[in-house]
Amino acid sequence: MESPFQQFPKLNTKLVNLEDYMLRLIELNKNDIINEAKGYLHSGRFLHAAFFYLFSSFGEADKLRENSLQSAAAASQMFYIRNELMRKHQAGPDAINLNFMVEYFSDLIDVEFRKCSADDDDLQGKIDAVQEITTNQLLADEEMIKPVEDIAEYIKRVEARSAVMFEFACRFGAQAAHASDVLIDSAGEIGRTIGIAYQIKSEIFDLIGINTSENEFGPLYMLQNGEFTLPVIFAIGKNGNDFMNKIAEAGRTGDKALAETAEQVIDSGVDAAQVMVKEYKDQAIFDINMLPEIPEKQDLKKLVNMLL
């Protein structure tokens, strides 16, 4: 499969080099890397590293010591991978392998942070930041299955659950290249906006892809697990609180009821969710337009348009 970043030649080269660097860093045989991690280690999926590199261009990357930026990018991407692995729940021998990979990535993240930190205080600040994000992200996962009808509350959950990773990658990219404090704050805000839109877009794609097979309802897992996604919240608002009970019952009464309920969510929730995606996308593009004029600024807007 062709990498989506090939249309960004300069960026794509950095991501391919980052993939090679990370695979050398991991120093495990391919058979020792669990399947859950393998897919994340291809440069075509380095979305967070892509934003990291684009925002690093707004700093003084040319003045950094050799490989410092690559170490920071590796730490950022491995941080995302590590947390995705942490959020997977498995039992038995698979759980042992998963826990090993989580701990292994944690050690590598600390090593790369040390390479790109000015001193021990700077290093500790990075470690504390990722620990706080991880704690809040795991708590947000638990919140997603609790009933919610308020859109503002839903957005708070998404911020802590997935948008925070985009915010971190963008902010850390600018910070690692010693950009100004104003630009670092702008990078974080733009990353947060993109992250919220990306999460909503993902929920929409999960819903509208449900009818690919009569016997396969994989994308229905959100409804089946009772996750309160934005299309569901809009559907409840349109159909009344009784619809919330219908969703819960459908998850217990078979695929047919589940599919019918999902169709109602699509009919009454997806369009409104799409409108919100566009609003966040427009906000992100507006904020990017306020950034200094450098070539990477156009790539940043192009990536946002491609993604959202």
Protein backbone atom coordinates (compact mmCIF):
# COMPACT_ATOMS: atom_id res chain seq x y z
CA MET A 1 0.00 0.00 0.00
CA GLU A 2 1.33 3.41 -0.98
CA SER A 3 2.21 5.73 1.86
CA PRO A 4 -0.11 8.74 2.14
CA PHE A 5 2.99 10.86 2.80
CA GLN A 6 4.58 10.25 -0.62
CA GLN A 7 2.91 13.43 -1.84
CA PHE A 8 5.11 15.27 0.70
CA PRO A 9 8.61 14.35 -0.61
CA LYS A 10 10.68 16.12 2.06
CA LEU A 11 8.45 14.96 4.92
CA ASN A 12 8.18 11.42 3.56
CA THR A 13 11.99 11.11 3.50
CA LYS A 14 12.14 12.12 7.17
CA LEU A 15 9.47 9.57 8.10
CA VAL A 16 11.16 6.73 6.20
CA ASN A 17 14.44 7.58 7.91
CA LEU A 18 12.59 7.64 11.23
CA GLU A 19 11.20 4.17 10.56
CA ASP A 20 14.70 2.82 9.90
CA TYR A 21 16.00 4.56 13.01
CA MET A 22 13.24 3.17 15.23
CA LEU A 23 13.63 -0.38 13.94
CA ARG A 24 17.37 -0.24 14.66
CA LEU A 25 16.59 1.23 18.06
CA ILE A 26 14.17 -1.55 18.99
CA GLU A 27 16.80 -4.22 18.21
CA LEU A 28 14.32 -7.09 18.24
CA ASN A 29 13.88 -9.77 15.60
CA LYS A 30 10.74 -9.27 13.55
CA ASN A 31 9.22 -12.37 15.13
CA ASP A 32 9.71 -10.88 18.59
CA ILE A 33 7.68 -7.75 17.83
CA ILE A 34 4.04 -8.53 18.58
CA ASN A 35 1.51 -8.05 15.78
CA GLU A 36 -0.21 -5.23 17.68
CA ALA A 37 2.98 -3.19 17.40
CA LYS A 38 4.15 -4.14 13.89
CA GLY A 39 1.53 -2.13 12.03
CA TYR A 40 2.44 1.01 13.95
CA LEU A 41 6.10 0.75 12.95
CA HIS A 42 5.58 1.54 9.25
CA SER A 43 6.31 5.12 8.22
CA GLY A 44 3.02 5.30 6.32
CA ARG A 45 1.28 5.33 9.69
CA PHE A 46 3.52 7.91 11.36
CA LEU A 47 0.79 10.55 11.48
CA HIS A 48 1.89 12.02 14.80
CA ALA A 49 5.53 12.14 13.72
CA ALA A 50 4.42 13.91 10.52
CA PHE A 51 2.87 16.72 12.54
CA PHE A 52 5.91 16.72 14.83
CA TYR A 53 8.27 17.30 11.90
CA LEU A 54 6.10 19.94 10.22
CA PHE A 55 5.90 22.02 13.39
CA SER A 56 9.61 21.56 14.09
CA SER A 57 10.19 23.51 10.86
CA PHE A 58 8.90 26.63 12.60
CA GLY A 59 11.84 26.52 15.02
CA GLU A 60 15.60 26.43 14.60
CA ALA A 61 16.11 22.80 13.67
CA ASP A 62 19.28 23.63 11.73
CA LYS A 63 20.92 24.78 14.98
CA LEU A 64 20.23 21.58 16.93
CA ARG A 65 22.92 19.05 17.70
CA GLU A 66 23.09 16.08 15.32
CA ASN A 67 20.19 13.59 15.53
CA SER A 68 18.54 15.49 18.40
CA LEU A 69 15.39 16.13 16.36
CA GLN A 70 15.19 12.52 15.19
CA SER A 71 15.43 11.30 18.78
CA ALA A 72 12.61 13.66 19.76
CA ALA A 73 10.49 12.46 16.82
CA ALA A 74 11.15 8.83 17.75
CA ALA A 75 10.15 9.48 21.36
CA SER A 76 6.95 11.18 20.20
CA GLN A 77 5.94 8.37 17.83
CA MET A 78 6.86 5.61 20.29
CA PHE A 79 4.88 7.40 22.98
CA TYR A 80 1.78 7.15 20.78
CA ILE A 81 2.48 3.46 19.98
CA ARG A 82 3.16 2.60 23.63
CA ASN A 83 -0.13 4.14 24.76
CA GLU A 84 -2.11 2.40 22.02
CA LEU A 85 -0.67 -0.91 23.22
CA MET A 86 -1.47 -0.05 26.84
CA ARG A 87 -5.11 0.47 25.94
CA LYS A 88 -5.48 -3.03 24.46
CA HIS A 89 -6.91 -5.59 26.88
CA GLN A 90 -5.72 -9.17 26.50
CA ALA A 91 -5.47 -12.21 28.74
CA GLY A 92 -3.12 -15.18 29.08
CA PRO A 93 0.22 -15.43 27.25
CA ASP A 94 -0.76 -12.59 24.89
CA ALA A 95 -1.02 -10.25 27.86
CA ILE A 96 2.54 -11.12 28.91
CA ASN A 97 3.89 -10.28 25.44
CA LEU A 98 1.86 -7.08 25.33
CA ASN A 99 3.10 -5.96 28.74
CA PHE A 100 6.68 -6.68 27.68
CA MET A 101 6.32 -4.47 24.60
CA VAL A 102 4.76 -1.68 26.67
CA GLU A 103 7.67 -1.75 29.13
CA TYR A 104 10.18 -2.03 26.31
CA PHE A 105 8.78 1.03 24.53
CA SER A 106 8.70 2.92 27.84
CA ASP A 107 12.44 2.33 28.31
CA LEU A 108 13.19 3.39 24.73
CA ILE A 109 11.13 6.58 25.13
CA ASP A 110 13.17 7.52 28.21
CA VAL A 111 16.42 6.87 26.31
CA GLU A 112 15.35 9.08 23.38
CA PHE A 113 14.13 11.81 25.72
CA ARG A 114 17.54 11.82 27.36
CA LYS A 115 19.23 12.26 23.96
CA CYS A 116 17.17 15.35 23.15
CA SER A 117 17.07 16.97 26.61
CA ALA A 118 19.29 19.85 27.67
CA ASP A 119 19.67 18.66 31.27
CA ASP A 120 18.12 16.44 33.96
CA ASP A 121 15.37 18.95 34.72
CA ASP A 122 14.39 19.10 31.07
CA LEU A 123 14.38 15.30 30.89
CA GLN A 124 12.22 14.98 34.01
CA GLY A 125 9.80 17.56 32.64
CA LYS A 126 9.27 15.45 29.50
CA ILE A 127 8.83 12.24 31.52
CA ASP A 128 6.32 13.90 33.85
CA ALA A 129 4.38 15.31 30.89
CA VAL A 130 3.94 11.95 29.16
CA GLN A 131 3.03 10.27 32.46
CA GLU A 132 0.28 12.82 33.07
CA ILE A 133 -1.05 12.39 29.52
CA THR A 134 -1.04 8.60 29.88
CA THR A 135 -2.93 8.68 33.19
CA ASN A 136 -5.56 11.04 31.82
CA GLN A 137 -5.89 9.02 28.62
CA LEU A 138 -6.59 5.78 30.48
CA LEU A 139 -9.14 7.54 32.68
CA ALA A 140 -10.81 9.00 29.57
CA ASP A 141 -11.14 5.48 28.10
CA GLU A 142 -13.23 4.53 31.11
CA GLU A 143 -15.37 7.66 30.73
CA MET A 144 -16.29 6.88 27.12
CA ILE A 145 -18.73 4.13 28.15
CA LYS A 146 -20.55 6.34 30.64
CA PRO A 147 -23.79 7.91 29.36
CA VAL A 148 -23.38 11.45 28.14
CA GLU A 149 -25.74 13.78 26.29
CA ASP A 150 -23.81 17.02 26.67
CA ILE A 151 -21.56 17.74 23.68
CA ALA A 152 -19.15 19.82 25.77
CA GLU A 153 -18.62 16.85 28.10
CA TYR A 154 -18.03 14.59 25.11
CA ILE A 155 -15.39 17.01 23.76
CA LYS A 156 -13.61 16.96 27.13
CA ARG A 157 -13.43 13.17 26.91
CA VAL A 158 -12.05 13.27 23.37
CA GLU A 159 -9.46 15.88 24.34
CA ALA A 160 -8.06 13.59 27.02
CA ARG A 161 -8.48 10.38 25.06
CA SER A 162 -7.05 11.06 21.59
CA ALA A 163 -6.72 14.77 20.79
CA VAL A 164 -4.04 15.05 23.46
CA MET A 165 -1.69 12.94 21.32
CA PHE A 166 -1.96 15.35 18.39
CA GLU A 167 -1.54 18.27 20.76
CA PHE A 168 1.59 16.71 22.23
CA ALA A 169 3.14 15.88 18.82
CA CYS A 170 2.59 19.39 17.45
CA ARG A 171 3.69 21.19 20.61
CA PHE A 172 6.71 18.94 21.12
CA GLY A 173 7.79 19.41 17.49
CA ALA A 174 7.91 23.18 17.91
CA GLN A 175 9.45 22.88 21.36
CA ALA A 176 12.16 20.42 20.26
CA ALA A 177 13.28 22.87 17.56
CA HIS A 178 13.36 25.78 20.04
CA ALA A 179 10.51 27.74 18.47
CA SER A 180 9.14 30.77 20.34
CA ASP A 181 6.77 30.26 23.27
CA VAL A 182 3.95 31.85 21.28
CA LEU A 183 4.44 29.42 18.40
CA ILE A 184 4.69 26.43 20.77
CA ASP A 185 1.34 27.38 22.32
CA SER A 186 -0.19 27.85 18.86
CA ALA A 187 1.14 24.46 17.76
CA GLY A 188 -0.48 22.77 20.77
CA GLU A 189 -3.82 24.48 20.16
CA ILE A 190 -3.79 23.54 16.47
CA GLY A 191 -2.89 19.94 17.34
CA ARG A 192 -5.76 19.77 19.82
CA THR A 193 -8.23 21.08 17.22
CA ILE A 194 -7.01 18.59 14.61
CA GLY A 195 -7.17 15.75 17.15
CA ILE A 196 -10.80 16.42 18.05
CA ALA A 197 -11.81 16.57 14.38
CA TYR A 198 -9.85 13.39 13.61
CA GLN A 199 -11.57 11.47 16.42
CA ILE A 200 -15.04 12.54 15.25
CA LYS A 201 -14.15 11.67 11.65
CA SER A 202 -12.98 8.21 12.78
CA GLU A 203 -16.28 7.62 14.57
CA ILE A 204 -18.19 8.57 11.42
CA PHE A 205 -16.11 6.20 9.27
CA ASP A 206 -16.72 3.38 11.75
CA LEU A 207 -20.46 3.91 11.47
CA ILE A 208 -20.87 4.36 7.74
CA GLY A 209 -18.82 1.24 7.02
CA ILE A 210 -21.09 -1.16 8.89
CA ASN A 211 -22.88 -2.93 6.03
CA THR A 212 -19.92 -4.47 4.24
CA SER A 213 -21.04 -8.00 5.09
CA GLU A 214 -24.09 -9.66 6.53
CA ASN A 215 -21.97 -11.62 8.98
CA GLU A 216 -19.34 -9.02 9.84
CA PHE A 217 -20.24 -6.06 11.98
CA GLY A 218 -16.76 -5.14 13.18
CA PRO A 219 -17.27 -1.36 13.09
CA LEU A 220 -20.33 -1.75 15.30
CA TYR A 221 -18.08 -2.38 18.28
CA MET A 222 -18.59 1.17 19.55
CA LEU A 223 -22.34 0.67 19.79
CA GLN A 224 -21.92 -2.84 21.10
CA ASN A 225 -19.58 -1.66 23.85
CA GLY A 226 -21.80 1.29 24.65
CA GLU A 227 -19.32 4.01 23.68
CA PHE A 228 -20.98 7.41 23.47
CA THR A 229 -19.60 8.78 20.23
CA LEU A 230 -20.71 12.12 18.80
CA PRO A 231 -23.09 10.67 16.16
CA VAL A 232 -24.76 8.67 18.94
CA ILE A 233 -25.14 11.79 21.10
CA PHE A 234 -26.72 13.69 18.21
CA ALA A 235 -29.04 10.72 17.51
CA ILE A 236 -30.15 10.61 21.15
CA GLY A 237 -30.82 14.35 21.02
CA LYS A 238 -33.02 13.87 17.96
CA ASN A 239 -34.78 10.64 18.96
CA GLY A 240 -35.15 11.18 22.70
CA ASN A 241 -33.67 9.50 25.77
CA ASP A 242 -35.50 6.24 25.06
CA PHE A 243 -33.13 5.79 22.14
CA MET A 244 -30.28 5.42 24.64
CA ASN A 245 -31.99 2.34 26.05
CA LYS A 246 -32.56 1.02 22.54
CA ILE A 247 -28.83 1.16 21.85
CA ALA A 248 -28.08 -0.79 25.03
CA GLU A 249 -30.74 -3.40 24.23
CA ALA A 250 -29.61 -3.78 20.62
CA GLY A 251 -26.15 -4.79 21.79
CA ARG A 252 -27.69 -7.75 23.63
CA THR A 253 -30.32 -8.87 21.11
CA GLY A 254 -28.26 -9.74 18.07
CA ASP A 255 -26.63 -8.31 14.98
CA LYS A 256 -29.87 -7.44 13.20
CA ALA A 257 -31.10 -5.16 15.98
CA LEU A 258 -27.62 -3.70 16.31
CA ALA A 259 -27.43 -2.92 12.58
CA GLU A 260 -30.90 -1.34 12.57
CA THR A 261 -29.98 0.85 15.53
CA ALA A 262 -26.73 1.86 13.85
CA GLU A 263 -28.66 2.85 10.73
CA GLN A 264 -30.76 5.18 12.88
CA VAL A 265 -27.61 6.70 14.31
CA ILE A 266 -26.29 7.21 10.77
CA ASP A 267 -29.54 8.80 9.60
CA SER A 268 -29.90 11.18 12.53
CA GLY A 269 -26.36 11.71 13.82
CA VAL A 270 -23.73 11.56 11.09
CA ASP A 271 -24.61 14.75 9.20
CA ALA A 272 -24.49 16.84 12.37
CA ALA A 273 -21.17 15.25 13.32
CA GLN A 274 -19.79 16.03 9.84
CA VAL A 275 -20.68 19.68 10.36
CA MET A 276 -18.62 19.73 13.56
CA VAL A 277 -15.66 18.12 11.78
CA LYS A 278 -15.76 20.90 9.19
CA GLU A 279 -15.94 23.56 11.90
CA TYR A 280 -12.85 22.19 13.65
CA LYS A 281 -11.04 21.75 10.34
CA ASP A 282 -11.80 25.35 9.34
CA GLN A 283 -10.54 26.54 12.74
CA ALA A 284 -7.31 24.57 12.32
CA ILE A 285 -6.71 25.99 8.82
CA PHE A 286 -7.46 29.52 10.09
CA ASP A 287 -4.92 29.13 12.91
CA ILE A 288 -2.32 27.65 10.55
CA ASN A 289 -2.74 30.68 8.30
CA MET A 290 -1.66 32.82 11.24
CA LEU A 291 1.70 31.02 11.45
CA PRO A 292 4.91 32.46 9.92
CA GLU A 293 5.30 32.02 6.17
CA ILE A 294 7.56 29.04 5.52
CA PRO A 295 7.25 26.29 2.85
CA GLU A 296 6.14 23.69 5.41
CA LYS A 297 3.09 25.79 6.24
CA GLN A 298 1.52 24.77 2.92
CA ASP A 299 2.32 21.11 3.61
CA LEU A 300 0.67 21.46 7.00
CA LYS A 301 -2.54 22.78 5.45
CA LYS A 302 -2.40 20.09 2.76
CA LEU A 303 -2.06 17.37 5.40
CA VAL A 304 -5.00 18.72 7.40
CA ASN A 305 -7.16 18.85 4.26
CA MET A 306 -6.14 15.29 3.35
CA LEU A 307 -6.83 14.01 6.86
CA LEU A 308 -10.16 15.75 7.48
